Amino acid sequence: MNRIGFIVSSVLMLLALASSTLFVVDQRQFGVVYALGQIKEVITEPGINWKLPPPFQNVSYIDKRLLTLDSADAEPMLTAEKQRVVVDWYIRWRISDPTEYIRNVGLDEGAGANQLARVVRNAFQEEINKRTVKELIATQREALMADVKREVVAAVAGVKPWGVEVVDVRITRADYVEAITESVYRRMEAERKRVANELRSTGAAEGEKIRADADRQREVTVANAYRDAQKIKGEGDAEAARIYAESFGKDPQFAQFYRSLEAYKASFNKKSDVMVLDPASSDFFKAMRGGGLSTSAPVKK
């Protein structure tokens, strides 16, 4: 039993020793081996590696991927016109030389991010001080980002290189501070309302003009139509009178009878119409008594 326990203990000790001497470097990381606080070796390729057991050697890891750093503060900056603006930005960077990075920056990515944030903000402040709001937002936006990137690259590659590579610097938002933004929005709203009122007034005037012109054209059209109608009606009445005269001239007694019928029809238009006459002494009912046709002229063949 003692022999078995000794063997098991020995195996466990060997495993513990192996685990303290072997380490794995991921493809996304750098492996940095320290010997008594000094950098002994930097491993850049992924795989299994070995080292002396602690406390003789230790290993730490640093991310080698492309990192993104976003602006964290909303402190306003001054433009060339002394306007206070807030600029949001981000920077893409990576650790290219872990030895220089550890010596001059820190042991992890957070230390580099903090120092980069200060450098980028100072560079933005310097470049924005040289430009107006219009240049910042529209005309020189790309040039500003290029100048900021140039200054940041020069800062990290100075007397004590940081061992980092700056890939890109970009502006995500550039705006006035909140107090000025509210004032700008109010001015914009007032201007839009003024333009809208002007357009409504112009539209109302144009509408009145169009309606007046339409009314005038309607009156002219109605007057012309009435004139033409009266002319046609007059011509029709004249033609009807001529035809009546011609027809009645051929047979006067028939004409008298026809006119009597028309008079009867007009007089007795309703059932409630009442006439008080003496049929025997009045000529009005002569056609009804049959006298209107007693002496009719012979029909010509």
C-alpha atoms as a PDB file:
ATOM      1  CA  MET A   1       0.000   0.000   0.000  1.00  0.00           C
ATOM      2  CA  ASN A   2       2.840   2.363   0.842  1.00  0.00           C
ATOM      3  CA  ARG A   3       4.402   1.613  -2.519  1.00  0.00           C
ATOM      4  CA  ILE A   4       1.185   2.347  -4.368  1.00  0.00           C
ATOM      5  CA  GLY A   5       0.738   5.594  -2.475  1.00  0.00           C
ATOM      6  CA  PHE A   6       4.294   6.590  -3.275  1.00  0.00           C
ATOM      7  CA  ILE A   7       3.751   5.908  -6.953  1.00  0.00           C
ATOM      8  CA  VAL A   8       0.504   7.901  -7.020  1.00  0.00           C
ATOM      9  CA  SER A   9       2.117  10.800  -5.194  1.00  0.00           C
ATOM     10  CA  SER A  10       5.062  10.757  -7.579  1.00  0.00           C
ATOM     11  CA  VAL A  11       2.773  10.798 -10.626  1.00  0.00           C
ATOM     12  CA  LEU A  12       0.802  13.694  -9.214  1.00  0.00           C
ATOM     13  CA  MET A  13       3.960  15.638  -8.509  1.00  0.00           C
ATOM     14  CA  LEU A  14       5.216  14.990 -12.044  1.00  0.00           C
ATOM     15  CA  LEU A  15       1.897  16.145 -13.472  1.00  0.00           C
ATOM     16  CA  ALA A  16       1.986  19.290 -11.344  1.00  0.00           C
ATOM     17  CA  LEU A  17       5.556  19.963 -12.442  1.00  0.00           C
ATOM     18  CA  ALA A  18       4.644  19.405 -16.111  1.00  0.00           C
ATOM     19  CA  SER A  19       1.643  21.707 -15.841  1.00  0.00           C
ATOM     20  CA  SER A  20       3.841  24.426 -14.354  1.00  0.00           C
ATOM     21  CA  THR A  21       6.434  24.113 -17.106  1.00  0.00           C
ATOM     22  CA  LEU A  22       4.136  23.707 -20.129  1.00  0.00           C
ATOM     23  CA  PHE A  23       1.822  26.427 -21.418  1.00  0.00           C
ATOM     24  CA  VAL A  24      -0.265  27.000 -24.535  1.00  0.00           C
ATOM     25  CA  VAL A  25      -0.189  30.199 -26.616  1.00  0.00           C
ATOM     26  CA  ASP A  26      -3.442  30.915 -28.439  1.00  0.00           C
ATOM     27  CA  GLN A  27      -3.356  32.209 -32.030  1.00  0.00           C
ATOM     28  CA  ARG A  28      -5.033  35.432 -30.799  1.00  0.00           C
ATOM     29  CA  GLN A  29      -2.370  36.167 -28.171  1.00  0.00           C
ATOM     30  CA  PHE A  30       1.262  36.862 -27.507  1.00  0.00           C
ATOM     31  CA  GLY A  31       2.944  34.786 -24.782  1.00  0.00           C
ATOM     32  CA  VAL A  32       5.462  36.707 -22.642  1.00  0.00           C
ATOM     33  CA  VAL A  33       7.791  34.680 -20.437  1.00  0.00           C
ATOM     34  CA  TYR A  34       9.261  36.495 -17.402  1.00  0.00           C
ATOM     35  CA  ALA A  35      12.346  35.392 -15.482  1.00  0.00           C
ATOM     36  CA  LEU A  36      12.604  37.071 -12.087  1.00  0.00           C
ATOM     37  CA  GLY A  37      10.598  40.092 -13.325  1.00  0.00           C
ATOM     38  CA  GLN A  38      12.521  40.478 -16.599  1.00  0.00           C
ATOM     39  CA  ILE A  39      11.186  39.602 -20.042  1.00  0.00           C
ATOM     40  CA  LYS A  40      12.885  36.387 -21.019  1.00  0.00           C
ATOM     41  CA  GLU A  41      11.064  35.525 -24.234  1.00  0.00           C
ATOM     42  CA  VAL A  42       8.127  36.667 -26.348  1.00  0.00           C
ATOM     43  CA  ILE A  43       6.266  33.919 -28.180  1.00  0.00           C
ATOM     44  CA  THR A  44       4.366  35.125 -31.221  1.00  0.00           C
ATOM     45  CA  GLU A  45       3.375  31.790 -32.796  1.00  0.00           C
ATOM     46  CA  PRO A  46       0.555  29.617 -31.403  1.00  0.00           C
ATOM     47  CA  GLY A  47       1.396  26.242 -29.901  1.00  0.00           C
ATOM     48  CA  ILE A  48       2.621  24.417 -26.811  1.00  0.00           C
ATOM     49  CA  ASN A  49       5.739  25.811 -25.147  1.00  0.00           C
ATOM     50  CA  TRP A  50       7.709  25.174 -21.993  1.00  0.00           C
ATOM     51  CA  LYS A  51       9.335  27.256 -19.281  1.00  0.00           C
ATOM     52  CA  LEU A  52      10.864  26.847 -15.886  1.00  0.00           C
ATOM     53  CA  PRO A  53       8.399  26.349 -13.031  1.00  0.00           C
ATOM     54  CA  PRO A  54       7.466  29.325 -10.845  1.00  0.00           C
ATOM     55  CA  PRO A  55       8.960  31.288  -9.253  1.00  0.00           C
ATOM     56  CA  PHE A  56      11.817  31.008 -11.728  1.00  0.00           C
ATOM     57  CA  GLN A  57       9.699  31.835 -14.756  1.00  0.00           C
ATOM     58  CA  ASN A  58       6.131  33.057 -15.254  1.00  0.00           C
ATOM     59  CA  VAL A  59       4.033  33.670 -18.361  1.00  0.00           C
ATOM     60  CA  SER A  60       1.439  36.325 -19.230  1.00  0.00           C
ATOM     61  CA  TYR A  61      -0.673  36.883 -22.323  1.00  0.00           C
ATOM     62  CA  ILE A  62      -1.363  39.985 -24.404  1.00  0.00           C
ATOM     63  CA  ASP A  63      -4.055  40.253 -27.057  1.00  0.00           C
ATOM     64  CA  LYS A  64      -2.641  40.507 -30.594  1.00  0.00           C
ATOM     65  CA  ARG A  65      -5.977  41.133 -32.354  1.00  0.00           C
ATOM     66  CA  LEU A  66      -7.178  44.423 -33.836  1.00  0.00           C
ATOM     67  CA  LEU A  67      -8.710  46.384 -30.955  1.00  0.00           C
ATOM     68  CA  THR A  68     -11.287  49.188 -30.944  1.00  0.00           C
ATOM     69  CA  LEU A  69     -11.163  52.095 -28.535  1.00  0.00           C
ATOM     70  CA  ASP A  70     -14.248  54.359 -28.322  1.00  0.00           C
ATOM     71  CA  SER A  71     -14.304  57.819 -26.802  1.00  0.00           C
ATOM     72  CA  ALA A  72     -15.620  57.692 -23.256  1.00  0.00           C
ATOM     73  CA  ASP A  73     -15.931  61.352 -22.233  1.00  0.00           C
ATOM     74  CA  ALA A  74     -18.245  64.079 -23.491  1.00  0.00           C
ATOM     75  CA  GLU A  75     -16.022  67.026 -22.630  1.00  0.00           C
ATOM     76  CA  PRO A  76     -16.619  69.803 -25.191  1.00  0.00           C
ATOM     77  CA  MET A  77     -13.867  71.142 -27.451  1.00  0.00           C
ATOM     78  CA  LEU A  78     -13.449  74.643 -28.879  1.00  0.00           C
ATOM     79  CA  THR A  79     -13.399  75.349 -32.605  1.00  0.00           C
ATOM     80  CA  ALA A  80     -11.615  78.224 -34.325  1.00  0.00           C
ATOM     81  CA  GLU A  81     -14.806  80.300 -33.819  1.00  0.00           C
ATOM     82  CA  LYS A  82     -14.760  79.509 -30.087  1.00  0.00           C
ATOM     83  CA  GLN A  83     -17.824  77.308 -30.492  1.00  0.00           C
ATOM     84  CA  ARG A  84     -18.146  74.440 -28.023  1.00  0.00           C
ATOM     85  CA  VAL A  85     -18.645  71.096 -29.763  1.00  0.00           C
ATOM     86  CA  VAL A  86     -18.769  67.487 -28.620  1.00  0.00           C
ATOM     87  CA  VAL A  87     -16.914  64.960 -30.776  1.00  0.00           C
ATOM     88  CA  ASP A  88     -17.322  61.186 -30.507  1.00  0.00           C
ATOM     89  CA  TRP A  89     -14.578  59.104 -32.079  1.00  0.00           C
ATOM     90  CA  TYR A  90     -13.075  55.645 -32.195  1.00  0.00           C
ATOM     91  CA  ILE A  91      -9.612  54.304 -32.983  1.00  0.00           C
ATOM     92  CA  ARG A  92      -8.581  50.886 -34.336  1.00  0.00           C
ATOM     93  CA  TRP A  93      -5.220  49.702 -33.018  1.00  0.00           C
ATOM     94  CA  ARG A  94      -3.184  46.594 -32.227  1.00  0.00           C
ATOM     95  CA  ILE A  95      -0.092  45.639 -30.227  1.00  0.00           C
ATOM     96  CA  SER A  96       2.709  45.029 -32.708  1.00  0.00           C
ATOM     97  CA  ASP A  97       5.743  44.737 -30.385  1.00  0.00           C
ATOM     98  CA  PRO A  98       4.841  43.222 -26.998  1.00  0.00           C
ATOM     99  CA  THR A  99       8.317  43.836 -25.559  1.00  0.00           C
ATOM    100  CA  GLU A 100       8.214  47.581 -26.202  1.00  0.00           C
ATOM    101  CA  TYR A 101       4.582  47.671 -25.138  1.00  0.00           C
ATOM    102  CA  ILE A 102       5.269  46.078 -21.760  1.00  0.00           C
ATOM    103  CA  ARG A 103       8.338  48.220 -21.111  1.00  0.00           C
ATOM    104  CA  ASN A 104       6.789  51.589 -22.046  1.00  0.00           C
ATOM    105  CA  VAL A 105       3.029  51.157 -21.621  1.00  0.00           C
ATOM    106  CA  GLY A 106       1.899  48.368 -19.323  1.00  0.00           C
ATOM    107  CA  LEU A 107       1.174  44.704 -18.846  1.00  0.00           C
ATOM    108  CA  ASP A 108      -2.307  44.570 -20.423  1.00  0.00           C
ATOM    109  CA  GLU A 109      -4.438  46.145 -23.139  1.00  0.00           C
ATOM    110  CA  GLY A 110      -6.251  48.436 -20.696  1.00  0.00           C
ATOM    111  CA  ALA A 111      -3.084  50.426 -19.954  1.00  0.00           C
ATOM    112  CA  GLY A 112      -2.538  51.122 -23.643  1.00  0.00           C
ATOM    113  CA  ALA A 113      -6.205  52.027 -24.154  1.00  0.00           C
ATOM    114  CA  ASN A 114      -6.108  54.603 -21.363  1.00  0.00           C
ATOM    115  CA  GLN A 115      -2.969  56.286 -22.686  1.00  0.00           C
ATOM    116  CA  LEU A 116      -4.205  56.178 -26.277  1.00  0.00           C
ATOM    117  CA  ALA A 117      -7.464  57.848 -25.227  1.00  0.00           C
ATOM    118  CA  ARG A 118      -5.552  60.810 -23.784  1.00  0.00           C
ATOM    119  CA  VAL A 119      -3.336  61.123 -26.860  1.00  0.00           C
ATOM    120  CA  VAL A 120      -6.248  60.940 -29.290  1.00  0.00           C
ATOM    121  CA  ARG A 121      -8.289  63.488 -27.350  1.00  0.00           C
ATOM    122  CA  ASN A 122      -5.368  65.942 -27.254  1.00  0.00           C
ATOM    123  CA  ALA A 123      -4.837  65.477 -30.992  1.00  0.00           C
ATOM    124  CA  PHE A 124      -8.513  66.115 -31.711  1.00  0.00           C
ATOM    125  CA  GLN A 125      -8.493  69.201 -29.509  1.00  0.00           C
ATOM    126  CA  GLU A 126      -5.458  70.601 -31.314  1.00  0.00           C
ATOM    127  CA  GLU A 127      -6.874  69.990 -34.781  1.00  0.00           C
ATOM    128  CA  ILE A 128     -10.393  71.192 -33.962  1.00  0.00           C
ATOM    129  CA  ASN A 129      -8.940  74.441 -32.604  1.00  0.00           C
ATOM    130  CA  LYS A 130      -7.663  75.143 -36.118  1.00  0.00           C
ATOM    131  CA  ARG A 131     -10.989  74.596 -37.883  1.00  0.00           C
ATOM    132  CA  THR A 132     -14.468  76.103 -37.997  1.00  0.00           C
ATOM    133  CA  VAL A 133     -17.666  74.162 -37.357  1.00  0.00           C
ATOM    134  CA  LYS A 134     -18.391  73.974 -41.084  1.00  0.00           C
ATOM    135  CA  GLU A 135     -14.931  72.586 -41.790  1.00  0.00           C
ATOM    136  CA  LEU A 136     -15.270  70.094 -38.934  1.00  0.00           C
ATOM    137  CA  ILE A 137     -18.640  68.786 -40.092  1.00  0.00           C
ATOM    138  CA  ALA A 138     -18.437  69.042 -43.859  1.00  0.00           C
ATOM    139  CA  THR A 139     -15.504  70.384 -45.826  1.00  0.00           C
ATOM    140  CA  GLN A 140     -12.437  69.126 -43.888  1.00  0.00           C
ATOM    141  CA  ARG A 141     -13.739  66.130 -41.960  1.00  0.00           C
ATOM    142  CA  GLU A 142     -11.518  63.591 -43.725  1.00  0.00           C
ATOM    143  CA  ALA A 143      -8.472  65.866 -43.518  1.00  0.00           C
ATOM    144  CA  LEU A 144      -9.048  66.334 -39.787  1.00  0.00           C
ATOM    145  CA  MET A 145      -9.160  62.585 -39.145  1.00  0.00           C
ATOM    146  CA  ALA A 146      -6.001  62.081 -41.228  1.00  0.00           C
ATOM    147  CA  ASP A 147      -4.170  64.799 -39.260  1.00  0.00           C
ATOM    148  CA  VAL A 148      -5.280  63.294 -35.946  1.00  0.00           C
ATOM    149  CA  LYS A 149      -4.081  59.859 -37.034  1.00  0.00           C
ATOM    150  CA  ARG A 150      -0.721  61.347 -38.067  1.00  0.00           C
ATOM    151  CA  GLU A 151      -0.281  63.009 -34.669  1.00  0.00           C
ATOM    152  CA  VAL A 152      -1.253  59.838 -32.786  1.00  0.00           C
ATOM    153  CA  VAL A 153       1.153  57.720 -34.843  1.00  0.00           C
ATOM    154  CA  ALA A 154       3.941  60.231 -34.152  1.00  0.00           C
ATOM    155  CA  ALA A 155       3.141  60.140 -30.419  1.00  0.00           C
ATOM    156  CA  VAL A 156       3.225  56.343 -30.091  1.00  0.00           C
ATOM    157  CA  ALA A 157       6.421  56.109 -32.185  1.00  0.00           C
ATOM    158  CA  GLY A 158       8.351  58.722 -30.206  1.00  0.00           C
ATOM    159  CA  VAL A 159      11.511  58.444 -28.127  1.00  0.00           C
ATOM    160  CA  LYS A 160       9.988  55.546 -26.216  1.00  0.00           C
ATOM    161  CA  PRO A 161       7.930  53.584 -28.740  1.00  0.00           C
ATOM    162  CA  TRP A 162       4.752  52.067 -27.451  1.00  0.00           C
ATOM    163  CA  GLY A 163       4.962  49.001 -29.628  1.00  0.00           C
ATOM    164  CA  VAL A 164       1.469  49.577 -31.049  1.00  0.00           C
ATOM    165  CA  GLU A 165       0.135  50.104 -34.559  1.00  0.00           C
ATOM    166  CA  VAL A 166      -2.608  52.694 -35.154  1.00  0.00           C
ATOM    167  CA  VAL A 167      -4.771  51.452 -38.035  1.00  0.00           C
ATOM    168  CA  ASP A 168      -7.513  54.076 -38.243  1.00  0.00           C
ATOM    169  CA  VAL A 169      -9.059  57.064 -36.480  1.00  0.00           C
ATOM    170  CA  ARG A 170     -12.678  58.022 -37.182  1.00  0.00           C
ATOM    171  CA  ILE A 171     -15.264  60.570 -36.038  1.00  0.00           C
ATOM    172  CA  THR A 172     -18.681  59.071 -35.312  1.00  0.00           C
ATOM    173  CA  ARG A 173     -20.470  62.255 -34.215  1.00  0.00           C
ATOM    174  CA  ALA A 174     -19.745  65.982 -34.117  1.00  0.00           C
ATOM    175  CA  ASP A 175     -22.368  68.225 -32.543  1.00  0.00           C
ATOM    176  CA  TYR A 176     -22.847  71.328 -30.466  1.00  0.00           C
ATOM    177  CA  VAL A 177     -23.104  71.017 -26.711  1.00  0.00           C
ATOM    178  CA  GLU A 178     -26.634  70.488 -25.416  1.00  0.00           C
ATOM    179  CA  ALA A 179     -27.348  74.133 -24.544  1.00  0.00           C
ATOM    180  CA  ILE A 180     -26.253  75.368 -27.965  1.00  0.00           C
ATOM    181  CA  THR A 181     -28.022  72.476 -29.685  1.00  0.00           C
ATOM    182  CA  GLU A 182     -31.342  73.479 -28.126  1.00  0.00           C
ATOM    183  CA  SER A 183     -30.809  77.066 -29.275  1.00  0.00           C
ATOM    184  CA  VAL A 184     -29.914  75.915 -32.785  1.00  0.00           C
ATOM    185  CA  TYR A 185     -32.984  73.683 -32.917  1.00  0.00           C
ATOM    186  CA  ARG A 186     -35.201  76.582 -31.824  1.00  0.00           C
ATOM    187  CA  ARG A 187     -33.729  78.833 -34.519  1.00  0.00           C
ATOM    188  CA  MET A 188     -34.160  76.087 -37.098  1.00  0.00           C
ATOM    189  CA  GLU A 189     -37.757  75.555 -35.996  1.00  0.00           C
ATOM    190  CA  ALA A 190     -38.500  79.302 -36.181  1.00  0.00           C
ATOM    191  CA  GLU A 191     -36.930  79.489 -39.643  1.00  0.00           C
ATOM    192  CA  ARG A 192     -38.927  76.497 -40.883  1.00  0.00           C
ATOM    193  CA  LYS A 193     -42.130  78.017 -39.488  1.00  0.00           C
ATOM    194  CA  ARG A 194     -41.340  81.325 -41.214  1.00  0.00           C
ATOM    195  CA  VAL A 195     -40.771  79.556 -44.525  1.00  0.00           C
ATOM    196  CA  ALA A 196     -43.953  77.505 -44.049  1.00  0.00           C
ATOM    197  CA  ASN A 197     -46.022  80.623 -43.301  1.00  0.00           C
ATOM    198  CA  GLU A 198     -44.532  82.368 -46.324  1.00  0.00           C
ATOM    199  CA  LEU A 199     -45.376  79.401 -48.527  1.00  0.00           C
ATOM    200  CA  ARG A 200     -48.913  79.258 -47.127  1.00  0.00           C
ATOM    201  CA  SER A 201     -49.405  82.983 -47.757  1.00  0.00           C
ATOM    202  CA  THR A 202     -48.077  82.665 -51.289  1.00  0.00           C
ATOM    203  CA  GLY A 203     -50.303  79.644 -51.876  1.00  0.00           C
ATOM    204  CA  ALA A 204     -53.365  81.468 -50.534  1.00  0.00           C
ATOM    205  CA  ALA A 205     -52.675  84.445 -52.812  1.00  0.00           C
ATOM    206  CA  GLU A 206     -52.190  82.171 -55.806  1.00  0.00           C
ATOM    207  CA  GLY A 207     -55.396  80.321 -54.863  1.00  0.00           C
ATOM    208  CA  GLU A 208     -57.382  83.588 -54.740  1.00  0.00           C
ATOM    209  CA  LYS A 209     -55.925  84.607 -58.082  1.00  0.00           C
ATOM    210  CA  ILE A 210     -56.833  81.262 -59.641  1.00  0.00           C
ATOM    211  CA  ARG A 211     -60.358  81.367 -58.161  1.00  0.00           C
ATOM    212  CA  ALA A 212     -60.905  84.938 -59.388  1.00  0.00           C
ATOM    213  CA  ASP A 213     -59.721  84.005 -62.870  1.00  0.00           C
ATOM    214  CA  ALA A 214     -61.946  80.915 -62.826  1.00  0.00           C
ATOM    215  CA  ASP A 215     -64.969  82.996 -61.723  1.00  0.00           C
ATOM    216  CA  ARG A 216     -64.284  85.521 -64.495  1.00  0.00           C
ATOM    217  CA  GLN A 217     -63.993  82.790 -67.097  1.00  0.00           C
ATOM    218  CA  ARG A 218     -67.197  81.214 -65.776  1.00  0.00           C
ATOM    219  CA  GLU A 219     -69.091  84.515 -66.042  1.00  0.00           C
ATOM    220  CA  VAL A 220     -67.768  85.082 -69.566  1.00  0.00           C
ATOM    221  CA  THR A 221     -68.641  81.537 -70.575  1.00  0.00           C
ATOM    222  CA  VAL A 222     -72.158  81.765 -69.084  1.00  0.00           C
ATOM    223  CA  ALA A 223     -72.744  85.164 -70.731  1.00  0.00           C
ATOM    224  CA  ASN A 224     -71.585  83.905 -74.114  1.00  0.00           C
ATOM    225  CA  ALA A 225     -73.689  80.763 -73.742  1.00  0.00           C
ATOM    226  CA  TYR A 226     -76.748  82.843 -72.734  1.00  0.00           C
ATOM    227  CA  ARG A 227     -76.197  85.177 -75.698  1.00  0.00           C
ATOM    228  CA  ASP A 228     -75.899  82.264 -78.108  1.00  0.00           C
ATOM    229  CA  ALA A 229     -78.941  80.578 -76.540  1.00  0.00           C
ATOM    230  CA  GLN A 230     -81.019  83.734 -76.839  1.00  0.00           C
ATOM    231  CA  LYS A 231     -79.899  84.154 -80.424  1.00  0.00           C
ATOM    232  CA  ILE A 232     -80.805  80.562 -81.257  1.00  0.00           C
ATOM    233  CA  LYS A 233     -84.076  80.892 -79.384  1.00  0.00           C
ATOM    234  CA  GLY A 234     -84.913  84.088 -81.255  1.00  0.00           C
ATOM    235  CA  GLU A 235     -84.127  82.464 -84.562  1.00  0.00           C
ATOM    236  CA  GLY A 236     -86.253  79.457 -83.574  1.00  0.00           C
ATOM    237  CA  ASP A 237     -89.158  81.683 -82.496  1.00  0.00           C
ATOM    238  CA  ALA A 238     -88.927  83.627 -85.749  1.00  0.00           C
ATOM    239  CA  GLU A 239     -88.885  80.423 -87.749  1.00  0.00           C
ATOM    240  CA  ALA A 240     -91.792  79.037 -85.728  1.00  0.00           C
ATOM    241  CA  ALA A 241     -93.750  82.264 -86.233  1.00  0.00           C
ATOM    242  CA  ARG A 242     -93.072  82.106 -89.941  1.00  0.00           C
ATOM    243  CA  ILE A 243     -94.217  78.499 -90.124  1.00  0.00           C
ATOM    244  CA  TYR A 244     -97.327  79.302 -88.033  1.00  0.00           C
ATOM    245  CA  ALA A 245     -98.116  82.300 -90.207  1.00  0.00           C
ATOM    246  CA  GLU A 246     -97.640  80.307 -93.360  1.00  0.00           C
ATOM    247  CA  SER A 247     -99.743  77.425 -92.060  1.00  0.00           C
ATOM    248  CA  PHE A 248    -102.487  79.625 -90.592  1.00  0.00           C
ATOM    249  CA  GLY A 249    -102.598  81.690 -93.783  1.00  0.00           C
ATOM    250  CA  LYS A 250    -103.655  78.635 -95.725  1.00  0.00           C
ATOM    251  CA  ASP A 251    -106.644  77.962 -93.422  1.00  0.00           C
ATOM    252  CA  PRO A 252    -107.672  80.875 -91.144  1.00  0.00           C
ATOM    253  CA  GLN A 253    -110.572  78.978 -89.582  1.00  0.00           C
ATOM    254  CA  PHE A 254    -108.264  76.119 -88.551  1.00  0.00           C
ATOM    255  CA  ALA A 255    -105.852  78.670 -87.131  1.00  0.00           C
ATOM    256  CA  GLN A 256    -108.688  80.200 -85.089  1.00  0.00           C
ATOM    257  CA  PHE A 257    -109.729  76.757 -83.889  1.00  0.00           C
ATOM    258  CA  TYR A 258    -106.142  75.821 -82.956  1.00  0.00           C
ATOM    259  CA  ARG A 259    -105.706  79.044 -81.025  1.00  0.00           C
ATOM    260  CA  SER A 260    -108.966  78.418 -79.214  1.00  0.00           C
ATOM    261  CA  LEU A 261    -107.734  74.985 -78.167  1.00  0.00           C
ATOM    262  CA  GLU A 262    -104.483  76.489 -76.918  1.00  0.00           C
ATOM    263  CA  ALA A 263    -106.485  79.049 -74.927  1.00  0.00           C
ATOM    264  CA  TYR A 264    -108.678  76.309 -73.443  1.00  0.00           C
ATOM    265  CA  LYS A 265    -105.606  74.310 -72.455  1.00  0.00           C
ATOM    266  CA  ALA A 266    -103.983  77.306 -70.807  1.00  0.00           C
ATOM    267  CA  SER A 267    -107.215  78.306 -69.026  1.00  0.00           C
ATOM    268  CA  PHE A 268    -108.073  74.878 -67.674  1.00  0.00           C
ATOM    269  CA  ASN A 269    -104.547  73.818 -66.666  1.00  0.00           C
ATOM    270  CA  LYS A 270    -105.695  72.547 -63.250  1.00  0.00           C
ATOM    271  CA  LYS A 271    -108.825  70.842 -62.015  1.00  0.00           C
ATOM    272  CA  SER A 272    -109.373  73.637 -59.526  1.00  0.00           C
ATOM    273  CA  ASP A 273    -109.438  76.368 -62.200  1.00  0.00           C
ATOM    274  CA  VAL A 274    -112.828  78.101 -62.352  1.00  0.00           C
ATOM    275  CA  MET A 275    -114.147  80.559 -64.977  1.00  0.00           C
ATOM    276  CA  VAL A 276    -117.438  82.438 -64.677  1.00  0.00           C
ATOM    277  CA  LEU A 277    -118.667  83.195 -68.236  1.00  0.00           C
ATOM    278  CA  ASP A 278    -121.849  83.077 -70.231  1.00  0.00           C
ATOM    279  CA  PRO A 279    -121.222  80.413 -72.841  1.00  0.00           C
ATOM    280  CA  ALA A 280    -124.066  81.685 -74.998  1.00  0.00           C
ATOM    281  CA  SER A 281    -122.896  85.277 -75.260  1.00  0.00           C
ATOM    282  CA  SER A 282    -119.110  84.749 -75.027  1.00  0.00           C
ATOM    283  CA  ASP A 283    -116.923  84.073 -78.050  1.00  0.00           C
ATOM    284  CA  PHE A 284    -114.487  82.188 -75.841  1.00  0.00           C
ATOM    285  CA  PHE A 285    -116.518  78.963 -76.140  1.00  0.00           C
ATOM    286  CA  LYS A 286    -117.339  79.426 -79.790  1.00  0.00           C
ATOM    287  CA  ALA A 287    -115.093  76.530 -80.804  1.00  0.00           C
ATOM    288  CA  MET A 288    -116.809  74.257 -78.315  1.00  0.00           C
ATOM    289  CA  ARG A 289    -120.215  75.100 -79.707  1.00  0.00           C
ATOM    290  CA  GLY A 290    -119.018  73.966 -83.139  1.00  0.00           C
ATOM    291  CA  GLY A 291    -119.351  77.303 -84.846  1.00  0.00           C
ATOM    292  CA  GLY A 292    -115.695  77.676 -85.482  1.00  0.00           C
ATOM    293  CA  LEU A 293    -115.690  75.037 -88.211  1.00  0.00           C
ATOM    294  CA  SER A 294    -119.108  75.553 -89.789  1.00  0.00           C
ATOM    295  CA  THR A 295    -117.868  77.719 -92.616  1.00  0.00           C
ATOM    296  CA  SER A 296    -114.575  76.071 -93.233  1.00  0.00           C
ATOM    297  CA  ALA A 297    -113.136  76.467 -96.670  1.00  0.00           C
ATOM    298  CA  PRO A 298    -113.123  73.500 -98.973  1.00  0.00           C
ATOM    299  CA  VAL A 299    -109.932  71.495 -99.011  1.00  0.00           C
ATOM    300  CA  LYS A 300    -107.887  72.023-102.159  1.00  0.00           C
ATOM    301  CA  LYS A 301    -106.725  68.913-103.937  1.00  0.00           C
END
